[in-house]
């Protein structure tokens, strides 16, 4: 059976990859060619998609197999550096990293979504917001109007950014955290789950609590 869908490769085969597999299938644009993950035996199927090897296959997949699309199937818990490294690796080879948006995400026509962004089910991005490259807006997270979210950020499930917030590159906003209107969060910041942020947060900080300290 032939298909005219473009092929895409997934880097990582954990829980985050399973979510992306469903998004890709629901979108109907890409055919998943396989998963690269050194932790799993070649041939193992994850949500029906075979593991075909490790990241060292990437140059051959791009040059020989002519697969030009990749997605980062690795999530993060506080540290986004692995996602960043994988994204930069595939971009250096020449891959395109398409944004992946669940059909039940709500995305304003006036917001800007960068390459590699992943918007999960029931996430919301409101008008005039910007989402940077390789950023996750996870299940049920809300980005309200006029927010600016940097590159390689993870907004975890159920987190809320009120209007006009800024989140710096590499930051991690924990599950169910709330950022009040107009707050500026620096680069590489970690905000604990359930925290309420009412003051600006400096670069490289770790904060938690209600209010977050």
C-alpha atoms as a PDB file:
ATOM      1  CA  UNK A   1       0.000   0.000   0.000  1.00  0.00           C
ATOM      2  CA  UNK A   2       1.428   3.370  -0.995  1.00  0.00           C
ATOM      3  CA  UNK A   3       0.998   6.662   0.823  1.00  0.00           C
ATOM      4  CA  UNK A   4       1.645  10.249  -0.153  1.00  0.00           C
ATOM      5  CA  UNK A   5       2.248  11.321   3.439  1.00  0.00           C
ATOM      6  CA  UNK A   6       5.642  12.746   4.355  1.00  0.00           C
ATOM      7  CA  UNK A   7       7.643  10.533   6.671  1.00  0.00           C
ATOM      8  CA  UNK A   8       8.786  11.610  10.121  1.00  0.00           C
ATOM      9  CA  UNK A   9      11.209  10.061  12.623  1.00  0.00           C
ATOM     10  CA  UNK A  10      10.744  10.297  16.408  1.00  0.00           C
ATOM     11  CA  UNK A  11      13.680  10.702  18.788  1.00  0.00           C
ATOM     12  CA  UNK A  12      12.794   9.020  22.071  1.00  0.00           C
ATOM     13  CA  UNK A  13      10.348   6.266  22.916  1.00  0.00           C
ATOM     14  CA  UNK A  14       9.028   7.067  26.386  1.00  0.00           C
ATOM     15  CA  UNK A  15       5.699   8.401  27.566  1.00  0.00           C
ATOM     16  CA  UNK A  16       6.099  11.740  25.802  1.00  0.00           C
ATOM     17  CA  UNK A  17       6.649   9.940  22.496  1.00  0.00           C
ATOM     18  CA  UNK A  18       3.409   7.994  22.967  1.00  0.00           C
ATOM     19  CA  UNK A  19       1.503  11.269  23.203  1.00  0.00           C
ATOM     20  CA  UNK A  20       3.203  12.589  20.063  1.00  0.00           C
ATOM     21  CA  UNK A  21       2.407   9.397  18.163  1.00  0.00           C
ATOM     22  CA  UNK A  22      -1.300  10.010  18.770  1.00  0.00           C
ATOM     23  CA  UNK A  23      -1.003  13.656  17.717  1.00  0.00           C
ATOM     24  CA  UNK A  24       0.828  12.709  14.511  1.00  0.00           C
ATOM     25  CA  UNK A  25      -1.716  10.047  13.652  1.00  0.00           C
ATOM     26  CA  UNK A  26      -4.650  12.349  14.328  1.00  0.00           C
ATOM     27  CA  UNK A  27      -3.146  15.032  12.092  1.00  0.00           C
ATOM     28  CA  UNK A  28      -2.958  12.782   9.053  1.00  0.00           C
ATOM     29  CA  UNK A  29      -0.012  14.685   7.553  1.00  0.00           C
ATOM     30  CA  UNK A  30       2.935  12.447   8.446  1.00  0.00           C
ATOM     31  CA  UNK A  31       3.685   8.747   8.337  1.00  0.00           C
ATOM     32  CA  UNK A  32       5.880   7.699  11.279  1.00  0.00           C
ATOM     33  CA  UNK A  33       8.956   5.907   9.925  1.00  0.00           C
ATOM     34  CA  UNK A  34      10.210   4.712  13.315  1.00  0.00           C
ATOM     35  CA  UNK A  35      11.639   5.592  16.708  1.00  0.00           C
ATOM     36  CA  UNK A  36      15.279   6.133  17.645  1.00  0.00           C
ATOM     37  CA  UNK A  37      16.053   5.293  21.272  1.00  0.00           C
ATOM     38  CA  UNK A  38      19.131   3.473  22.613  1.00  0.00           C
ATOM     39  CA  UNK A  39      17.202   2.300  25.696  1.00  0.00           C
ATOM     40  CA  UNK A  40      15.015  -0.112  23.725  1.00  0.00           C
ATOM     41  CA  UNK A  41      15.745  -3.214  21.691  1.00  0.00           C
ATOM     42  CA  UNK A  42      15.557  -2.797  17.931  1.00  0.00           C
ATOM     43  CA  UNK A  43      12.241  -4.067  16.628  1.00  0.00           C
ATOM     44  CA  UNK A  44      10.290  -3.362  19.804  1.00  0.00           C
ATOM     45  CA  UNK A  45       7.040  -1.585  19.014  1.00  0.00           C
ATOM     46  CA  UNK A  46       5.885   1.418  21.045  1.00  0.00           C
ATOM     47  CA  UNK A  47       2.231   2.278  20.386  1.00  0.00           C
ATOM     48  CA  UNK A  48       2.627   0.251  17.200  1.00  0.00           C
ATOM     49  CA  UNK A  49       5.731   2.119  15.990  1.00  0.00           C
ATOM     50  CA  UNK A  50       8.993   0.121  15.719  1.00  0.00           C
ATOM     51  CA  UNK A  51      12.247   1.122  17.360  1.00  0.00           C
ATOM     52  CA  UNK A  52      14.759   1.120  14.492  1.00  0.00           C
ATOM     53  CA  UNK A  53      17.967   1.978  16.340  1.00  0.00           C
ATOM     54  CA  UNK A  54      19.911   4.804  17.979  1.00  0.00           C
ATOM     55  CA  UNK A  55      20.563   8.463  17.208  1.00  0.00           C
ATOM     56  CA  UNK A  56      23.691   7.564  15.219  1.00  0.00           C
ATOM     57  CA  UNK A  57      21.389   6.511  12.369  1.00  0.00           C
ATOM     58  CA  UNK A  58      20.193  10.091  11.844  1.00  0.00           C
ATOM     59  CA  UNK A  59      22.664  11.132   9.083  1.00  0.00           C
ATOM     60  CA  UNK A  60      21.831   8.027   7.025  1.00  0.00           C
ATOM     61  CA  UNK A  61      18.098   8.478   7.553  1.00  0.00           C
ATOM     62  CA  UNK A  62      18.388  12.031   6.246  1.00  0.00           C
ATOM     63  CA  UNK A  63      20.836  11.472   3.382  1.00  0.00           C
ATOM     64  CA  UNK A  64      20.076   7.927   2.207  1.00  0.00           C
ATOM     65  CA  UNK A  65      16.434   7.414   3.159  1.00  0.00           C
ATOM     66  CA  UNK A  66      15.457  10.995   2.302  1.00  0.00           C
ATOM     67  CA  UNK A  67      13.410  11.427   5.475  1.00  0.00           C
ATOM     68  CA  UNK A  68      13.600  15.134   6.226  1.00  0.00           C
ATOM     69  CA  UNK A  69      11.220  15.464   9.200  1.00  0.00           C
ATOM     70  CA  UNK A  70      12.022  14.723  12.838  1.00  0.00           C
ATOM     71  CA  UNK A  71      10.336  15.369  16.166  1.00  0.00           C
ATOM     72  CA  UNK A  72      11.726  15.366  19.674  1.00  0.00           C
ATOM     73  CA  UNK A  73       9.912  12.618  21.562  1.00  0.00           C
ATOM     74  CA  UNK A  74      11.778  13.215  24.819  1.00  0.00           C
ATOM     75  CA  UNK A  75       9.943  15.098  27.549  1.00  0.00           C
ATOM     76  CA  UNK A  76      11.577  16.763  30.545  1.00  0.00           C
ATOM     77  CA  UNK A  77      11.355  16.905  34.318  1.00  0.00           C
ATOM     78  CA  UNK A  78      12.999  20.186  35.319  1.00  0.00           C
ATOM     79  CA  UNK A  79      15.995  19.873  32.949  1.00  0.00           C
ATOM     80  CA  UNK A  80      15.317  20.701  29.280  1.00  0.00           C
ATOM     81  CA  UNK A  81      18.945  20.289  28.159  1.00  0.00           C
ATOM     82  CA  UNK A  82      18.470  16.884  26.481  1.00  0.00           C
ATOM     83  CA  UNK A  83      15.558  18.177  24.415  1.00  0.00           C
ATOM     84  CA  UNK A  84      17.642  21.184  23.429  1.00  0.00           C
ATOM     85  CA  UNK A  85      20.626  18.995  22.443  1.00  0.00           C
ATOM     86  CA  UNK A  86      18.502  16.662  20.322  1.00  0.00           C
ATOM     87  CA  UNK A  87      16.777  19.563  18.604  1.00  0.00           C
ATOM     88  CA  UNK A  88      20.095  21.215  17.773  1.00  0.00           C
ATOM     89  CA  UNK A  89      21.502  17.889  16.547  1.00  0.00           C
ATOM     90  CA  UNK A  90      18.725  17.226  14.040  1.00  0.00           C
ATOM     91  CA  UNK A  91      18.739  20.838  12.859  1.00  0.00           C
ATOM     92  CA  UNK A  92      22.503  20.674  12.237  1.00  0.00           C
ATOM     93  CA  UNK A  93      22.001  17.584  10.075  1.00  0.00           C
ATOM     94  CA  UNK A  94      19.320  19.416   8.113  1.00  0.00           C
ATOM     95  CA  UNK A  95      16.034  17.979   9.387  1.00  0.00           C
ATOM     96  CA  UNK A  96      12.845  19.992   9.536  1.00  0.00           C
ATOM     97  CA  UNK A  97      11.153  19.847  12.950  1.00  0.00           C
ATOM     98  CA  UNK A  98       7.472  20.583  12.357  1.00  0.00           C
ATOM     99  CA  UNK A  99       5.213  21.951  15.063  1.00  0.00           C
ATOM    100  CA  UNK A 100       2.728  19.327  16.256  1.00  0.00           C
ATOM    101  CA  UNK A 101      -0.690  20.510  17.420  1.00  0.00           C
ATOM    102  CA  UNK A 102      -3.352  18.215  18.827  1.00  0.00           C
ATOM    103  CA  UNK A 103      -6.705  18.702  17.065  1.00  0.00           C
ATOM    104  CA  UNK A 104      -8.303  19.491  20.441  1.00  0.00           C
ATOM    105  CA  UNK A 105      -5.819  22.259  21.250  1.00  0.00           C
ATOM    106  CA  UNK A 106      -7.191  25.803  20.992  1.00  0.00           C
ATOM    107  CA  UNK A 107      -4.787  28.109  19.159  1.00  0.00           C
ATOM    108  CA  UNK A 108      -5.590  31.715  18.297  1.00  0.00           C
ATOM    109  CA  UNK A 109      -5.076  32.714  14.688  1.00  0.00           C
ATOM    110  CA  UNK A 110      -3.073  35.738  15.874  1.00  0.00           C
ATOM    111  CA  UNK A 111      -0.513  33.825  17.948  1.00  0.00           C
ATOM    112  CA  UNK A 112       2.845  32.687  16.544  1.00  0.00           C
ATOM    113  CA  UNK A 113       3.968  29.083  16.919  1.00  0.00           C
ATOM    114  CA  UNK A 114       7.622  28.344  16.135  1.00  0.00           C
ATOM    115  CA  UNK A 115       9.251  25.265  14.624  1.00  0.00           C
ATOM    116  CA  UNK A 116       9.276  22.184  16.833  1.00  0.00           C
ATOM    117  CA  UNK A 117       6.580  23.421  19.219  1.00  0.00           C
ATOM    118  CA  UNK A 118       4.305  20.702  20.612  1.00  0.00           C
ATOM    119  CA  UNK A 119       0.766  21.586  21.754  1.00  0.00           C
ATOM    120  CA  UNK A 120      -1.030  18.777  23.535  1.00  0.00           C
ATOM    121  CA  UNK A 121      -4.747  18.036  23.953  1.00  0.00           C
ATOM    122  CA  UNK A 122      -6.838  20.769  25.616  1.00  0.00           C
ATOM    123  CA  UNK A 123      -3.939  23.234  25.670  1.00  0.00           C
ATOM    124  CA  UNK A 124      -4.895  26.847  24.907  1.00  0.00           C
ATOM    125  CA  UNK A 125      -2.822  29.620  23.342  1.00  0.00           C
ATOM    126  CA  UNK A 126      -4.656  32.931  23.322  1.00  0.00           C
ATOM    127  CA  UNK A 127      -4.308  35.958  20.970  1.00  0.00           C
ATOM    128  CA  UNK A 128      -1.012  37.700  20.269  1.00  0.00           C
ATOM    129  CA  UNK A 129       1.115  35.172  22.163  1.00  0.00           C
ATOM    130  CA  UNK A 130       4.425  33.786  20.909  1.00  0.00           C
ATOM    131  CA  UNK A 131       5.763  30.255  21.486  1.00  0.00           C
ATOM    132  CA  UNK A 132       9.464  29.650  20.820  1.00  0.00           C
ATOM    133  CA  UNK A 133      11.194  26.733  19.110  1.00  0.00           C
ATOM    134  CA  UNK A 134      11.104  23.236  20.606  1.00  0.00           C
ATOM    135  CA  UNK A 135       8.741  24.249  23.406  1.00  0.00           C
ATOM    136  CA  UNK A 136       6.090  21.959  24.948  1.00  0.00           C
ATOM    137  CA  UNK A 137       2.669  23.314  25.887  1.00  0.00           C
ATOM    138  CA  UNK A 138       1.459  20.212  27.654  1.00  0.00           C
ATOM    139  CA  UNK A 139      -2.011  18.784  28.287  1.00  0.00           C
ATOM    140  CA  UNK A 140      -4.498  21.377  29.497  1.00  0.00           C
ATOM    141  CA  UNK A 141      -1.938  24.174  29.892  1.00  0.00           C
ATOM    142  CA  UNK A 142      -3.170  27.713  29.232  1.00  0.00           C
ATOM    143  CA  UNK A 143      -1.166  30.537  27.675  1.00  0.00           C
ATOM    144  CA  UNK A 144      -3.261  33.668  27.865  1.00  0.00           C
ATOM    145  CA  UNK A 145      -3.078  36.776  25.669  1.00  0.00           C
ATOM    146  CA  UNK A 146       0.178  38.575  24.809  1.00  0.00           C
ATOM    147  CA  UNK A 147       2.517  36.057  26.443  1.00  0.00           C
ATOM    148  CA  UNK A 148       6.032  35.400  25.154  1.00  0.00           C
ATOM    149  CA  UNK A 149       7.366  31.889  25.822  1.00  0.00           C
ATOM    150  CA  UNK A 150      10.995  31.273  24.860  1.00  0.00           C
ATOM    151  CA  UNK A 151      12.801  28.387  23.191  1.00  0.00           C
ATOM    152  CA  UNK A 152      13.184  24.931  24.794  1.00  0.00           C
ATOM    153  CA  UNK A 153      10.593  25.636  27.515  1.00  0.00           C
ATOM    154  CA  UNK A 154       8.253  23.059  29.057  1.00  0.00           C
ATOM    155  CA  UNK A 155       4.880  24.294  30.292  1.00  0.00           C
ATOM    156  CA  UNK A 156       3.592  21.240  32.175  1.00  0.00           C
ATOM    157  CA  UNK A 157       0.010  19.901  32.300  1.00  0.00           C
ATOM    158  CA  UNK A 158      -2.531  22.249  33.796  1.00  0.00           C
ATOM    159  CA  UNK A 159      -0.146  25.192  34.232  1.00  0.00           C
ATOM    160  CA  UNK A 160      -1.567  28.669  33.603  1.00  0.00           C
ATOM    161  CA  UNK A 161       0.214  31.755  32.297  1.00  0.00           C
ATOM    162  CA  UNK A 162      -2.004  34.800  32.744  1.00  0.00           C
ATOM    163  CA  UNK A 163      -1.829  37.635  30.210  1.00  0.00           C
ATOM    164  CA  UNK A 164       1.386  39.433  29.231  1.00  0.00           C
ATOM    165  CA  UNK A 165       3.772  36.972  30.914  1.00  0.00           C
ATOM    166  CA  UNK A 166       7.294  36.327  29.665  1.00  0.00           C
ATOM    167  CA  UNK A 167       9.079  32.979  30.113  1.00  0.00           C
ATOM    168  CA  UNK A 168      12.788  32.798  29.313  1.00  0.00           C
ATOM    169  CA  UNK A 169      14.584  30.127  27.308  1.00  0.00           C
ATOM    170  CA  UNK A 170      14.996  26.693  28.881  1.00  0.00           C
ATOM    171  CA  UNK A 171      12.602  27.227  31.767  1.00  0.00           C
ATOM    172  CA  UNK A 172      10.331  24.580  33.294  1.00  0.00           C
ATOM    173  CA  UNK A 173       6.867  25.463  34.625  1.00  0.00           C
ATOM    174  CA  UNK A 174       5.612  22.597  36.816  1.00  0.00           C
ATOM    175  CA  UNK A 175       2.245  20.887  36.703  1.00  0.00           C
ATOM    176  CA  UNK A 176      -0.620  23.100  37.852  1.00  0.00           C
ATOM    177  CA  UNK A 177       1.557  26.163  38.483  1.00  0.00           C
ATOM    178  CA  UNK A 178      -0.058  29.589  38.067  1.00  0.00           C
ATOM    179  CA  UNK A 179       1.785  32.669  36.833  1.00  0.00           C
ATOM    180  CA  UNK A 180      -0.136  35.886  37.492  1.00  0.00           C
ATOM    181  CA  UNK A 181      -0.539  38.671  34.947  1.00  0.00           C
ATOM    182  CA  UNK A 182       2.558  40.454  33.654  1.00  0.00           C
ATOM    183  CA  UNK A 183       5.211  38.326  35.404  1.00  0.00           C
ATOM    184  CA  UNK A 184       8.683  37.952  33.874  1.00  0.00           C
ATOM    185  CA  UNK A 185      10.400  34.594  34.364  1.00  0.00           C
ATOM    186  CA  UNK A 186      14.082  34.391  33.480  1.00  0.00           C
ATOM    187  CA  UNK A 187      16.072  31.760  31.595  1.00  0.00           C
ATOM    188  CA  UNK A 188      16.554  28.221  32.939  1.00  0.00           C
ATOM    189  CA  UNK A 189      14.101  28.751  35.793  1.00  0.00           C
ATOM    190  CA  UNK A 190      12.320  25.841  37.517  1.00  0.00           C
ATOM    191  CA  UNK A 191       8.900  26.489  39.045  1.00  0.00           C
ATOM    192  CA  UNK A 192       7.553  23.718  41.249  1.00  0.00           C
ATOM    193  CA  UNK A 193       4.239  21.993  40.694  1.00  0.00           C
ATOM    194  CA  UNK A 194       1.247  23.853  42.101  1.00  0.00           C
ATOM    195  CA  UNK A 195       3.195  27.045  42.758  1.00  0.00           C
ATOM    196  CA  UNK A 196       1.689  30.518  42.416  1.00  0.00           C
ATOM    197  CA  UNK A 197       4.141  33.060  41.032  1.00  0.00           C
ATOM    198  CA  UNK A 198       3.351  36.669  41.976  1.00  0.00           C
ATOM    199  CA  UNK A 199       6.811  38.249  41.499  1.00  0.00           C
ATOM    200  CA  UNK A 200       9.373  38.279  38.697  1.00  0.00           C
ATOM    201  CA  UNK A 201      11.882  35.392  38.812  1.00  0.00           C
ATOM    202  CA  UNK A 202      15.601  35.817  38.010  1.00  0.00           C
ATOM    203  CA  UNK A 203      17.568  33.562  35.656  1.00  0.00           C
ATOM    204  CA  UNK A 204      18.643  30.106  36.943  1.00  0.00           C
ATOM    205  CA  UNK A 205      16.293  30.197  39.938  1.00  0.00           C
ATOM    206  CA  UNK A 206      14.338  27.313  41.481  1.00  0.00           C
ATOM    207  CA  UNK A 207      11.121  28.415  43.204  1.00  0.00           C
ATOM    208  CA  UNK A 208       8.062  26.704  44.689  1.00  0.00           C
ATOM    209  CA  UNK A 209       5.139  27.319  46.986  1.00  0.00           C
ATOM    210  CA  UNK A 210       2.184  29.670  47.396  1.00  0.00           C
ATOM    211  CA  UNK A 211       3.395  32.269  46.819  1.00  0.00           C
ATOM    212  CA  UNK A 212       6.489  30.886  45.091  1.00  0.00           C
ATOM    213  CA  UNK A 213       9.781  31.608  46.868  1.00  0.00           C
END
